[in-house]
Amino acid sequence: MCSDNTFSQLESLRLYDLSNLERWHLDTNAMPIIKGLHIHACPELKEIPKRMKDVEEKLNMVELYKHM
């Protein structure tokens, strides 16, 4: 879980080879300046957090692989 005001300077997040990751939760103000999201080889991840979908238009690149 990423609560409000955490990772306030994070611009890019990469999630690689996290075979047990099923979901993660972001509060409304977490990662306010995120510009890049890369997800690869996270087979149990069912969806990205609602919060990340809300800022998707602001992201440079979102890589969601079929085997996610």
Protein backbone atom coordinates (compact mmCIF):
# COMPACT_ATOMS: atom_id res chain seq x y z
CA MET A 1 0.00 0.00 0.00
CA CYS A 2 1.19 3.48 -0.85
CA SER A 3 -0.51 6.05 1.32
CA ASP A 4 -0.99 9.74 0.55
CA ASN A 5 2.16 11.79 0.01
CA THR A 6 4.42 8.74 -0.30
CA PHE A 7 6.91 8.62 -3.15
CA SER A 8 6.34 12.32 -3.76
CA GLN A 9 9.39 12.57 -6.05
CA LEU A 10 8.94 9.28 -7.92
CA GLU A 11 8.82 9.80 -11.69
CA SER A 12 9.14 6.25 -12.95
CA LEU A 13 8.06 2.90 -11.52
CA ARG A 14 9.25 -0.45 -12.86
CA LEU A 15 7.75 -3.71 -11.65
CA TYR A 16 9.66 -6.72 -12.98
CA ASP A 17 9.40 -10.43 -12.23
CA LEU A 18 7.12 -10.14 -9.20
CA SER A 19 5.49 -13.53 -9.48
CA ASN A 20 3.43 -13.22 -6.27
CA LEU A 21 2.18 -9.65 -6.73
CA GLU A 22 -1.60 -9.80 -7.08
CA ARG A 23 -2.52 -6.16 -6.49
CA TRP A 24 -1.32 -2.96 -4.96
CA HIS A 25 -3.25 0.00 -3.63
CA LEU A 26 -2.45 3.68 -4.07
CA ASP A 27 -4.12 6.46 -2.14
CA THR A 28 -5.29 9.53 -4.04
CA ASN A 29 -2.16 11.64 -3.58
CA ALA A 30 0.50 8.94 -3.76
CA MET A 31 3.09 9.32 -6.55
CA PRO A 32 1.85 12.74 -7.68
CA ILE A 33 4.44 13.29 -10.43
CA ILE A 34 4.66 9.76 -11.89
CA LYS A 35 5.51 9.89 -15.61
CA GLY A 36 6.37 6.30 -16.44
CA LEU A 37 5.04 2.88 -15.49
CA HIS A 38 6.60 -0.35 -16.74
CA ILE A 39 5.18 -3.73 -15.72
CA HIS A 40 6.72 -6.98 -16.93
CA ALA A 41 6.46 -10.61 -15.79
CA CYS A 42 3.92 -10.10 -13.01
CA PRO A 43 1.64 -13.03 -13.86
CA GLU A 44 -0.64 -12.76 -10.82
CA LEU A 45 -1.28 -9.03 -11.19
CA LYS A 46 -4.90 -8.67 -12.24
CA GLU A 47 -5.12 -4.91 -12.74
CA ILE A 48 -3.28 -1.72 -12.06
CA PRO A 49 -4.58 0.45 -9.20
CA LYS A 50 -7.51 2.74 -9.89
CA ARG A 51 -5.31 5.67 -8.93
CA MET A 52 -2.81 4.75 -11.67
CA LYS A 53 -5.61 4.47 -14.23
CA ASP A 54 -6.73 7.97 -13.26
CA VAL A 55 -3.34 9.43 -14.23
CA GLU A 56 -2.76 7.16 -17.22
CA GLU A 57 -3.09 10.01 -19.71
CA LYS A 58 -0.18 11.72 -18.00
CA LEU A 59 2.13 8.71 -18.32
CA ASN A 60 4.73 8.58 -21.07
CA MET A 61 4.49 4.83 -21.40
CA VAL A 62 2.50 2.06 -19.83
CA GLU A 63 3.71 -1.42 -20.69
CA LEU A 64 1.20 -4.06 -19.71
CA TYR A 65 2.13 -7.46 -21.02
CA LYS A 66 -0.39 -10.15 -21.95
CA HIS A 67 1.11 -12.61 -19.48
CA MET A 68 0.63 -10.15 -16.65
